[in-house]
Amino acid sequence: MPTLKVVNITPKALSGTATQDSEPFLAVNPETPTEMVATAFTPDPMGGPLAPVYVSTDGGDSWVLHAIVPGAAPDLGTADITVAFAARGGALYAGILNGLAALHRPRPITRMQILRTPGIASTAPMEILVSRDQEDQPWVIADTVTAGGADRDRVYVGNNGPGPRTAVVDVSGDARTAPAPAGFVPTVIEQRDPASQDGPPVRLAVHPDGTVYAAFESWRTNDQGDPITNVTFDVVVSRDDDGGVGAHPFQDLKDATDSVPGQRVATDRFVAFNSTMGQERLGGDLTIAVDPTDADRVWIAWCDRVGGPGGVDNTLHVRHSQDRGQTWRKVRDDVTDAKNPSLAVNEDGLVGLVYQRFARNQWTTILEVTADNWSTAPESDVLHQAPANVPRAAGLPFLGDYIRMLAVGKDFYGVFAGNNTPDRANFPVGVTYQRNANFTVHQLLSTDGVTRVPPSIDPFFFHRAA
């Protein structure tokens, strides 16, 4: 029988923190799955110039901070940050929005940087390979291939660049050893003409045979409202059959209707971008995953408002393709008032879906695992549930614009952010805290074990072991 654990990854030494450590991400070393790196909007507790990442070497049971990310900002650390290990060799890659640039005055700047470090043990600052302004939400995945008798890391960074065709994937075919910019080349994967821009998320999935999928939201209309922008969009999937390093990257999947590269999975979907639900902003929920044993089998999930401008929902949809993204079918009932879906597929073909749902004034984080595409009821576990109005949001994002789950071998690993009140009722599958907490009186305690600390948002790690 599978086992499931949840761990609050805030270290004991940070027991006094009450910051909003939201929008988490996770990387697991495929060669040594006990080695992991997690990220969140976490400031350096020492106030230094480098933002921290969370590091575990014991399978997620304990975590420490390594301050290695350039451009730390006070009370933020770095802005959007995602990380990925290469398949072999242990190198770690990151995509960030530089925190200092995000606080630039008089006007903030979105400065995307692509980083690398040789391994989890390194405490030196990560090397900057690429630095580019006007980019948003970098999303990193990596693989390793053998060429000329040597291993080479292929690294992919989906991001949202300058408009109007803003869906971009940066690809390096030799990111491990090549000097900066390490061969990274941006490819615009939007092949149609969106309304002013594409949506912020560009999500990626790579198969060991070199097949790479990229999903994005092509904005068809955009009223450019402030602060809420009403958008209609198409969900689009592009594919590259040569690892993204050929002469014409991400043009191998052409739409069955107009023959333009990029198959439209769904069209004319609506979202009130930057509207809120449970103190969290909405818009840009997207995830894609491929079966590691069969590159033809791919899943995608996204959220939209089914009722259009007059509706109030944020509905999660799941689709599946068995023919390399050409045709898609619905495989799971829609989930209303949900966000932050993340999909992963393990080596046995089990599909995992984790998402966060707002209902009865609380956020619930749910993990589902299915062996038959939801033809029967999936294995379903509530990882966390807590009031959505505690704590009061200190800006946005509150929980985050995304969470992360991935599969290594038979196991699923992931992170999410949530209310950190130490209450067993909030964690139906159980939980372990590193930071000082009294579960009897539901109280966080500072490093002295006595001083009370108010509830805040912490990142939580979970592991489903086969």
Protein backbone atom coordinates (compact mmCIF):
# COMPACT_ATOMS: atom_id res chain seq x y z
CA MET A 1 0.00 0.00 0.00
CA PRO A 2 1.28 3.51 -0.75
CA THR A 3 2.27 5.78 2.12
CA LEU A 4 1.78 9.53 2.28
CA LYS A 5 3.57 12.15 4.34
CA VAL A 6 3.29 15.93 4.67
CA VAL A 7 6.06 18.10 6.12
CA ASN A 8 6.10 21.80 6.98
CA ILE A 9 9.50 22.71 5.55
CA THR A 10 10.13 25.92 7.52
CA PRO A 11 13.32 25.09 9.51
CA LYS A 12 13.34 25.14 13.30
CA ALA A 13 15.75 28.08 13.23
CA LEU A 14 13.04 30.13 11.47
CA SER A 15 10.36 29.37 14.05
CA GLY A 16 9.79 33.07 14.62
CA THR A 17 8.90 33.86 11.01
CA ALA A 18 5.44 35.11 10.08
CA THR A 19 6.07 35.99 6.44
CA GLN A 20 3.88 34.97 3.52
CA ASP A 21 6.12 32.24 2.04
CA SER A 22 3.92 31.44 -0.93
CA GLU A 23 4.19 30.15 -4.52
CA PRO A 24 6.38 27.10 -3.83
CA PHE A 25 8.23 24.87 -6.27
CA LEU A 26 10.15 21.60 -6.00
CA ALA A 27 13.00 19.75 -7.70
CA VAL A 28 13.94 16.14 -6.93
CA ASN A 29 17.27 14.67 -8.03
CA PRO A 30 16.33 11.69 -10.27
CA GLU A 31 19.64 9.92 -9.52
CA THR A 32 19.31 10.41 -5.75
CA PRO A 33 15.66 11.11 -4.89
CA THR A 34 16.48 11.79 -1.25
CA GLU A 35 18.05 15.06 -2.48
CA MET A 36 15.58 17.87 -3.06
CA VAL A 37 15.40 21.62 -3.45
CA ALA A 38 12.25 23.61 -2.74
CA THR A 39 11.57 27.29 -3.23
CA ALA A 40 9.06 29.92 -2.13
CA PHE A 41 8.82 33.67 -1.65
CA THR A 42 11.11 33.42 1.38
CA PRO A 43 13.39 36.31 2.43
CA ASP A 44 16.92 35.69 3.69
CA PRO A 45 16.59 35.64 7.50
CA MET A 46 20.04 37.27 7.71
CA GLY A 47 19.03 40.08 5.36
CA GLY A 48 21.85 39.33 2.93
CA PRO A 49 22.10 39.90 -0.83
CA LEU A 50 21.20 36.29 -1.75
CA ALA A 51 17.76 34.70 -1.54
CA PRO A 52 17.46 31.23 0.00
CA VAL A 53 16.30 27.88 -1.29
CA TYR A 54 15.20 24.99 0.93
CA VAL A 55 17.44 21.92 0.77
CA SER A 56 16.74 18.37 1.97
CA THR A 57 19.11 15.40 1.80
CA ASP A 58 16.93 12.91 3.70
CA GLY A 59 13.90 12.54 1.48
CA GLY A 60 12.07 15.62 2.73
CA ASP A 61 12.01 14.83 6.45
CA SER A 62 14.20 17.83 7.29
CA TRP A 63 15.10 21.03 5.47
CA VAL A 64 17.70 23.79 5.74
CA LEU A 65 18.15 27.10 3.95
CA HIS A 66 20.96 27.76 1.47
CA ALA A 67 21.20 31.43 0.46
CA ILE A 68 22.47 31.04 -3.12
CA VAL A 69 20.05 32.98 -5.37
CA PRO A 70 21.21 36.42 -6.59
CA GLY A 71 19.14 39.58 -6.31
CA ALA A 72 17.45 39.12 -2.93
CA ALA A 73 14.92 41.78 -1.92
CA PRO A 74 13.94 42.56 1.69
CA ASP A 75 10.79 40.71 2.84
CA LEU A 76 10.61 38.86 -0.51
CA GLY A 77 13.79 36.96 -1.31
CA THR A 78 13.37 36.53 -5.03
CA ALA A 79 10.23 36.80 -7.11
CA ASP A 80 8.97 33.92 -9.30
CA ILE A 81 11.44 31.05 -8.90
CA THR A 82 11.35 27.52 -10.31
CA VAL A 83 14.07 24.84 -10.15
CA ALA A 84 14.98 21.56 -11.84
CA PHE A 85 17.68 18.92 -11.56
CA ALA A 86 19.26 17.41 -14.64
CA ALA A 87 18.46 13.73 -15.14
CA ARG A 88 22.08 12.80 -14.44
CA GLY A 89 25.06 14.54 -12.93
CA GLY A 90 23.30 16.46 -10.16
CA ALA A 91 23.38 19.96 -11.70
CA LEU A 92 20.57 22.24 -10.54
CA TYR A 93 18.99 24.95 -12.71
CA ALA A 94 16.71 27.83 -11.75
CA GLY A 95 14.63 30.48 -13.43
CA ILE A 96 13.87 33.57 -11.36
CA LEU A 97 12.50 37.05 -11.50
CA ASN A 98 15.23 39.01 -9.78
CA GLY A 99 13.86 40.31 -6.47
CA LEU A 100 15.70 43.62 -6.51
CA ALA A 101 14.47 44.35 -10.03
CA ALA A 102 10.92 43.53 -8.89
CA LEU A 103 11.21 46.30 -6.28
CA HIS A 104 12.95 48.76 -8.61
CA ARG A 105 11.82 52.34 -8.16
CA PRO A 106 10.13 54.35 -9.49
CA ARG A 107 8.85 51.45 -11.58
CA PRO A 108 9.31 47.70 -10.95
CA ILE A 109 11.13 45.69 -13.62
CA THR A 110 10.53 42.05 -14.49
CA ARG A 111 14.06 40.74 -14.99
CA MET A 112 14.21 37.03 -15.77
CA GLN A 113 17.45 35.24 -14.98
CA ILE A 114 18.42 31.63 -15.72
CA LEU A 115 20.84 30.18 -13.17
CA ARG A 116 22.87 27.03 -12.52
CA THR A 117 24.86 25.42 -9.76
CA PRO A 118 26.86 22.17 -9.96
CA GLY A 119 25.00 20.36 -7.21
CA ILE A 120 22.96 20.38 -4.06
CA ALA A 121 26.00 20.62 -1.78
CA SER A 122 27.19 23.92 -3.26
CA THR A 123 26.64 26.98 -1.10
CA ALA A 124 28.22 29.37 -3.62
CA PRO A 125 25.95 31.87 -5.41
CA MET A 126 24.26 30.38 -8.45
CA GLU A 127 25.84 31.42 -11.74
CA ILE A 128 23.78 33.78 -13.92
CA LEU A 129 23.56 32.38 -17.46
CA VAL A 130 20.85 34.61 -18.93
CA SER A 131 19.49 37.99 -17.78
CA ARG A 132 16.65 39.57 -19.74
CA ASP A 133 14.09 42.26 -18.92
CA GLN A 134 10.40 42.22 -19.80
CA GLU A 135 10.03 38.48 -19.14
CA ASP A 136 7.65 36.84 -16.66
CA GLN A 137 7.03 33.56 -14.83
CA PRO A 138 10.02 31.37 -15.83
CA TRP A 139 9.24 27.63 -15.59
CA VAL A 140 12.23 25.27 -15.65
CA ILE A 141 12.54 21.59 -16.56
CA ALA A 142 15.69 19.64 -17.46
CA ASP A 143 16.87 16.37 -18.96
CA THR A 144 20.21 14.75 -19.76
CA VAL A 145 21.23 13.17 -23.07
CA THR A 146 24.41 11.44 -24.20
CA ALA A 147 26.15 13.00 -27.19
CA GLY A 148 29.67 12.27 -28.40
CA GLY A 149 30.20 9.94 -25.46
CA ALA A 150 29.45 12.66 -22.90
CA ASP A 151 26.39 13.68 -20.92
CA ARG A 152 24.80 17.00 -21.84
CA ASP A 153 22.04 18.72 -19.95
CA ARG A 154 19.11 19.97 -21.97
CA VAL A 155 17.31 22.71 -20.07
CA TYR A 156 14.00 24.32 -21.00
CA VAL A 157 12.62 27.56 -19.55
CA GLY A 158 9.08 28.50 -20.48
CA ASN A 159 8.40 32.20 -19.97
CA ASN A 160 6.19 35.09 -20.98
CA GLY A 161 8.17 37.62 -23.02
CA PRO A 162 7.51 40.91 -24.80
CA GLY A 163 4.30 41.05 -26.83
CA PRO A 164 2.23 40.40 -28.64
CA ARG A 165 3.38 36.78 -29.16
CA THR A 166 4.66 36.33 -25.62
CA ALA A 167 4.70 32.52 -25.18
CA VAL A 168 8.41 31.66 -25.26
CA VAL A 169 10.63 28.65 -24.49
CA ASP A 170 14.35 29.15 -23.92
CA VAL A 171 16.32 25.99 -24.75
CA SER A 172 19.93 25.01 -24.12
CA GLY A 173 21.34 21.79 -25.52
CA ASP A 174 24.44 21.90 -23.30
CA ALA A 175 23.61 23.86 -20.17
CA ARG A 176 25.91 22.02 -17.74
CA THR A 177 29.33 23.12 -18.95
CA ALA A 178 28.93 25.76 -21.67
CA PRO A 179 29.91 29.28 -20.60
CA ALA A 180 27.16 31.86 -20.17
CA PRO A 181 24.73 32.18 -21.84
CA ALA A 182 25.22 28.40 -22.07
CA GLY A 183 23.61 28.15 -25.49
CA PHE A 184 20.18 29.32 -24.38
CA VAL A 185 18.10 30.46 -27.35
CA PRO A 186 14.54 31.81 -26.99
CA THR A 187 11.87 30.38 -29.30
CA VAL A 188 8.49 32.08 -29.67
CA ILE A 189 6.00 29.20 -29.70
CA GLU A 190 2.87 31.30 -30.30
CA GLN A 191 2.22 31.09 -34.05
CA ARG A 192 -1.07 33.01 -34.15
CA ASP A 193 -1.84 36.66 -33.36
CA PRO A 194 -3.08 37.05 -29.78
CA ALA A 195 -4.77 40.13 -28.33
CA SER A 196 -1.82 42.13 -26.91
CA GLN A 197 -0.16 39.09 -25.29
CA ASP A 198 -0.44 35.43 -24.29
CA GLY A 199 -1.19 34.34 -20.74
CA PRO A 200 1.69 34.31 -18.22
CA PRO A 201 2.08 30.52 -17.86
CA VAL A 202 4.10 28.45 -20.32
CA ARG A 203 4.21 24.90 -18.96
CA LEU A 204 6.53 22.12 -20.15
CA ALA A 205 6.86 18.34 -20.10
CA VAL A 206 9.78 16.36 -21.50
CA HIS A 207 9.95 12.65 -22.34
CA PRO A 208 13.22 10.67 -22.24
CA ASP A 209 13.00 10.08 -26.00
CA GLY A 210 13.38 13.82 -26.65
CA THR A 211 9.71 14.69 -27.13
CA VAL A 212 8.95 18.03 -25.48
CA TYR A 213 5.47 19.44 -24.95
CA ALA A 214 4.75 23.12 -24.25
CA ALA A 215 1.33 24.38 -23.16
CA PHE A 216 0.21 28.00 -23.10
CA GLU A 217 -2.89 30.18 -23.13
CA SER A 218 -3.32 32.23 -26.30
CA TRP A 219 -5.30 35.34 -25.36
CA ARG A 220 -7.91 36.03 -28.06
CA THR A 221 -9.57 39.09 -26.47
CA ASN A 222 -8.32 41.31 -23.67
CA ASP A 223 -10.14 44.36 -22.32
CA GLN A 224 -7.00 45.50 -20.44
CA GLY A 225 -9.02 46.41 -17.37
CA ASP A 226 -7.47 47.59 -14.12
CA PRO A 227 -7.15 45.71 -11.86
CA ILE A 228 -9.35 42.96 -13.39
CA THR A 229 -8.77 42.08 -17.04
CA ASN A 230 -11.49 40.11 -18.83
CA VAL A 231 -9.81 37.64 -21.17
CA THR A 232 -10.94 34.98 -23.61
CA PHE A 233 -8.26 32.48 -24.50
CA ASP A 234 -7.44 29.24 -26.30
CA VAL A 235 -5.54 26.45 -24.57
CA VAL A 236 -2.73 25.49 -26.95
CA VAL A 237 -0.17 22.67 -26.95
CA SER A 238 3.01 22.76 -29.04
CA ARG A 239 5.41 19.83 -29.47
CA ASP A 240 9.00 19.28 -30.48
CA ASP A 241 10.18 15.82 -31.51
CA ASP A 242 13.90 16.63 -31.45
CA GLY A 243 14.48 17.88 -27.93
CA GLY A 244 13.89 21.49 -28.89
CA VAL A 245 17.35 21.74 -30.48
CA GLY A 246 16.50 21.24 -34.15
CA ALA A 247 16.20 23.79 -36.96
CA HIS A 248 12.49 24.51 -36.40
CA PRO A 249 11.73 24.03 -32.69
CA PHE A 250 8.21 23.41 -31.40
CA GLN A 251 6.56 23.14 -34.82
CA ASP A 252 5.91 19.38 -34.95
CA LEU A 253 2.28 19.51 -33.76
CA LYS A 254 0.01 21.34 -36.18
CA ASP A 255 -3.60 22.19 -35.47
CA ALA A 256 -6.06 19.88 -37.18
CA THR A 257 -8.23 22.86 -38.23
CA ASP A 258 -5.88 25.57 -39.51
CA SER A 259 -2.56 23.62 -39.85
CA VAL A 260 -0.77 26.24 -37.75
CA PRO A 261 1.83 24.87 -35.28
CA GLY A 262 0.16 24.48 -31.89
CA GLN A 263 -2.93 22.30 -31.41
CA ARG A 264 -5.84 24.09 -29.76
CA VAL A 265 -7.13 21.88 -26.95
CA ALA A 266 -9.96 24.27 -26.02
CA THR A 267 -11.12 27.57 -27.51
CA ASP A 268 -12.87 30.74 -26.37
CA ARG A 269 -12.43 30.15 -22.66
CA PHE A 270 -12.97 33.04 -20.25
CA VAL A 271 -11.14 34.26 -17.16
CA ALA A 272 -11.44 37.42 -15.12
CA PHE A 273 -7.69 37.83 -14.72
CA ASN A 274 -6.69 39.21 -11.29
CA SER A 275 -10.13 38.66 -9.80
CA THR A 276 -9.93 37.02 -6.38
CA MET A 277 -11.23 33.96 -4.57
CA GLY A 278 -10.38 33.22 -0.94
CA GLN A 279 -7.84 36.09 -0.89
CA GLU A 280 -6.04 34.59 -3.90
CA ARG A 281 -5.90 36.09 -7.39
CA LEU A 282 -7.18 34.09 -10.34
CA GLY A 283 -5.90 33.55 -13.87
CA GLY A 284 -3.17 31.50 -15.48
CA ASP A 285 -3.79 28.04 -14.01
CA LEU A 286 -2.17 25.51 -16.36
CA THR A 287 -0.28 22.19 -16.16
CA ILE A 288 0.88 19.45 -18.56
CA ALA A 289 2.44 16.02 -18.05
CA VAL A 290 3.62 13.15 -20.25
CA ASP A 291 3.74 9.42 -19.54
CA PRO A 292 7.46 8.58 -19.04
CA THR A 293 6.92 5.20 -20.70
CA ASP A 294 4.92 6.43 -23.71
CA ALA A 295 5.51 9.86 -25.27
CA ASP A 296 2.18 9.63 -27.12
CA ARG A 297 0.20 9.87 -23.86
CA VAL A 298 -0.10 13.37 -22.44
CA TRP A 299 -2.45 15.14 -19.99
CA ILE A 300 -3.32 18.80 -19.54
CA ALA A 301 -5.37 20.74 -16.99
CA TRP A 302 -6.38 24.39 -16.74
CA CYS A 303 -8.93 26.62 -15.03
CA ASP A 304 -11.46 29.08 -16.47
CA ARG A 305 -14.80 30.69 -15.64
CA VAL A 306 -17.52 28.56 -17.20
CA GLY A 307 -20.16 31.23 -16.71
CA GLY A 308 -18.24 33.83 -18.69
CA PRO A 309 -18.31 37.46 -17.56
CA GLY A 310 -21.51 36.86 -15.61
CA GLY A 311 -20.19 33.85 -13.72
CA VAL A 312 -18.34 33.58 -10.43
CA ASP A 313 -16.65 30.18 -10.67
CA ASN A 314 -13.06 29.13 -11.40
CA THR A 315 -13.42 25.66 -12.87
CA LEU A 316 -10.71 23.02 -13.31
CA HIS A 317 -10.72 20.92 -16.50
CA VAL A 318 -8.63 17.82 -17.32
CA ARG A 319 -8.03 16.48 -20.83
CA HIS A 320 -5.99 13.53 -22.20
CA SER A 321 -4.40 12.79 -25.57
CA GLN A 322 -3.23 9.40 -26.79
CA ASP A 323 -1.86 10.61 -30.14
CA ARG A 324 0.91 13.08 -29.21
CA GLY A 325 -1.40 16.01 -28.60
CA GLN A 326 -3.41 15.93 -31.82
CA THR A 327 -6.80 15.05 -30.30
CA TRP A 328 -8.01 15.47 -26.73
CA ARG A 329 -10.84 14.09 -24.64
CA LYS A 330 -12.28 14.87 -21.24
CA VAL A 331 -11.28 12.29 -18.63
CA ARG A 332 -12.33 13.83 -15.31
CA ASP A 333 -15.42 15.67 -14.14
CA ASP A 334 -14.84 19.41 -13.85
CA VAL A 335 -14.04 20.82 -10.40
CA THR A 336 -15.62 24.16 -9.52
CA ASP A 337 -13.84 26.86 -7.50
CA ALA A 338 -10.40 25.29 -7.89
CA LYS A 339 -6.96 26.55 -8.85
CA ASN A 340 -3.28 25.58 -8.99
CA PRO A 341 -3.58 22.19 -10.71
CA SER A 342 -0.40 20.17 -11.14
CA LEU A 343 -0.20 16.87 -13.04
CA ALA A 344 2.44 14.14 -12.98
CA VAL A 345 2.67 10.56 -14.33
CA ASN A 346 4.80 7.83 -12.73
CA GLU A 347 6.62 4.92 -14.37
CA ASP A 348 3.62 2.63 -13.79
CA GLY A 349 1.36 4.97 -15.74
CA LEU A 350 -0.47 6.23 -12.65
CA VAL A 351 -1.65 9.81 -13.12
CA GLY A 352 -1.44 12.19 -10.19
CA LEU A 353 -3.38 15.44 -9.92
CA VAL A 354 -3.00 17.89 -7.06
CA TYR A 355 -5.04 21.08 -6.81
CA GLN A 356 -6.38 23.60 -4.31
CA ARG A 357 -10.11 24.20 -3.88
CA PHE A 358 -12.01 27.02 -2.22
CA ALA A 359 -15.27 25.98 -0.52
CA ARG A 360 -17.08 26.91 2.69
CA ASN A 361 -14.53 29.69 3.29
CA GLN A 362 -11.58 27.35 3.40
CA TRP A 363 -8.77 26.25 1.11
CA THR A 364 -8.35 22.51 0.68
CA THR A 365 -5.36 20.89 -1.05
CA ILE A 366 -6.30 17.56 -2.63
CA LEU A 367 -4.14 14.82 -4.17
CA GLU A 368 -5.75 12.35 -6.57
CA VAL A 369 -4.08 9.30 -8.13
CA THR A 370 -5.79 7.28 -10.85
CA ALA A 371 -4.84 4.11 -12.71
CA ASP A 372 -7.67 4.30 -15.26
CA ASN A 373 -8.05 7.98 -16.22
CA TRP A 374 -10.77 8.55 -13.61
CA SER A 375 -13.01 5.84 -15.12
CA THR A 376 -13.47 4.75 -11.52
CA ALA A 377 -13.11 6.81 -8.37
CA PRO A 378 -9.46 7.78 -7.88
CA GLU A 379 -7.43 7.43 -4.74
CA SER A 380 -8.09 10.82 -3.12
CA ASP A 381 -6.46 12.41 -0.07
CA VAL A 382 -6.87 15.78 1.58
CA LEU A 383 -3.37 17.01 2.32
CA HIS A 384 -4.42 20.23 4.03
CA GLN A 385 -7.52 22.24 4.87
CA ALA A 386 -7.73 25.57 6.71
CA PRO A 387 -9.74 28.80 6.82
CA ALA A 388 -9.14 30.96 3.77
CA ASN A 389 -9.35 34.24 5.73
CA VAL A 390 -6.45 33.41 8.07
CA PRO A 391 -3.97 35.04 7.93
CA ARG A 392 -4.96 38.25 6.23
CA ALA A 393 -3.21 38.43 2.87
CA ALA A 394 -0.07 40.57 2.83
CA GLY A 395 -0.25 41.30 -0.88
CA LEU A 396 -0.56 38.85 -3.75
CA PRO A 397 -0.07 36.03 -4.41
CA PHE A 398 -1.55 34.68 -1.18
CA LEU A 399 -0.99 30.96 -1.78
CA GLY A 400 0.70 31.34 -5.15
CA ASP A 401 -0.02 31.34 -8.86
CA TYR A 402 1.05 27.69 -9.06
CA ILE A 403 2.16 24.66 -7.04
CA ARG A 404 4.37 21.78 -8.17
CA MET A 405 4.15 17.99 -8.28
CA LEU A 406 6.46 15.61 -10.14
CA ALA A 407 7.01 11.87 -10.35
CA VAL A 408 10.32 10.06 -9.95
CA GLY A 409 10.08 6.32 -10.53
CA LYS A 410 6.92 5.10 -8.83
CA ASP A 411 6.73 7.99 -6.34
CA PHE A 412 5.00 11.38 -6.41
CA TYR A 413 6.59 14.42 -4.77
CA GLY A 414 5.16 17.90 -4.40
CA VAL A 415 4.85 21.19 -2.57
CA PHE A 416 2.00 23.57 -1.82
CA ALA A 417 1.52 26.64 0.35
CA GLY A 418 -1.07 27.06 3.07
CA ASN A 419 -2.14 28.36 6.45
CA ASN A 420 0.38 27.04 9.00
CA THR A 421 -1.85 26.84 12.10
CA PRO A 422 -0.68 23.69 13.97
CA ASP A 423 -4.00 21.87 14.12
CA ARG A 424 -4.19 18.11 13.43
CA ALA A 425 -7.67 18.60 12.00
CA ASN A 426 -6.10 20.63 9.19
CA PHE A 427 -3.99 17.66 8.07
CA PRO A 428 -6.16 14.53 7.62
CA VAL A 429 -3.19 12.43 6.44
CA GLY A 430 -0.92 13.73 9.22
CA VAL A 431 1.90 16.27 9.25
CA THR A 432 5.37 16.88 10.65
CA TYR A 433 6.56 20.36 11.64
CA GLN A 434 10.18 21.40 11.96
CA ARG A 435 9.37 24.83 13.39
CA ASN A 436 8.25 25.07 17.00
CA ALA A 437 4.54 24.44 17.33
CA ASN A 438 2.09 23.33 20.02
CA PHE A 439 -0.60 21.18 18.41
CA THR A 440 -2.58 20.92 21.63
CA VAL A 441 -3.36 24.63 21.77
CA HIS A 442 -2.84 25.22 18.02
CA GLN A 443 -0.09 27.77 18.57
CA LEU A 444 3.14 28.54 16.70
CA LEU A 445 6.08 29.35 18.94
CA SER A 446 9.25 31.30 18.28
CA THR A 447 12.81 29.97 18.54
CA ASP A 448 12.66 30.25 22.34
CA GLY A 449 9.74 27.81 22.44
CA VAL A 450 7.67 30.28 24.45
CA THR A 451 6.91 33.46 22.49
CA ARG A 452 3.72 33.17 20.44
CA VAL A 453 3.86 33.63 16.67
CA PRO A 454 0.75 34.45 14.59
CA PRO A 455 -0.37 32.17 11.75
CA SER A 456 1.10 32.82 8.32
CA ILE A 457 1.65 31.04 5.00
CA ASP A 458 4.28 28.27 4.88
CA PRO A 459 5.39 25.85 2.16
CA PHE A 460 4.54 22.18 2.76
CA PHE A 461 6.20 19.17 1.15
CA PHE A 462 4.37 15.93 0.39
CA HIS A 463 5.53 12.50 -0.77
CA ARG A 464 3.40 9.58 -1.93
CA ALA A 465 5.64 6.51 -1.82
CA ALA A 466 4.58 3.40 -3.73
